[in-house]
């Protein structure tokens, strides 16, 4: 992999800095809309990203304390439902998402290089290195932000790319 986790942390910080104002510009009404039957609303997708930030914060820190991290998986629909994101004000969700990801960027910067290969088992998955999980977090974030920010039918035409570091 060509870029360091320091680059990944900077990329995450850049994504947050450039995306938060775009998220704030989405109206409460638009945040409630879905892309179709059986899909999550923008609020629920952002809630899923909040859940992801919370789970990954624990992974990033705990994996540095042990020789092998065993962490439970999580039932995404259950977490989104239990979080009650659909009933929360959009501005509050954007603020929470922003703060959590600014914090995650700082936590990533503090990961010791000798801990990046710590094996992490999440749910029933095969062991993955902490470094992979850190990089995959940002990939996952980009994917869902695109779902929130792109109007239906305009894939890839309405906004510049997120951040500056190439995905690994």
Foldseek 3Di string as FASTA:
>chain_A
DPDDLLQLLVLLLQLLVVCLVLLVPQDQVQQLDAPDPPGHGVQLLLQLLLVLLVQLVCVLVVLLVDQAAEAEADDSVVSSVVVVSSPDGSNVSSVSSSVSSNVVSVSSVPRDPVSQQRWYHYHPDGTDGNVVVSLVSVVSVQVSSQNNNDDPPQPPNDDDGRGDDDRD
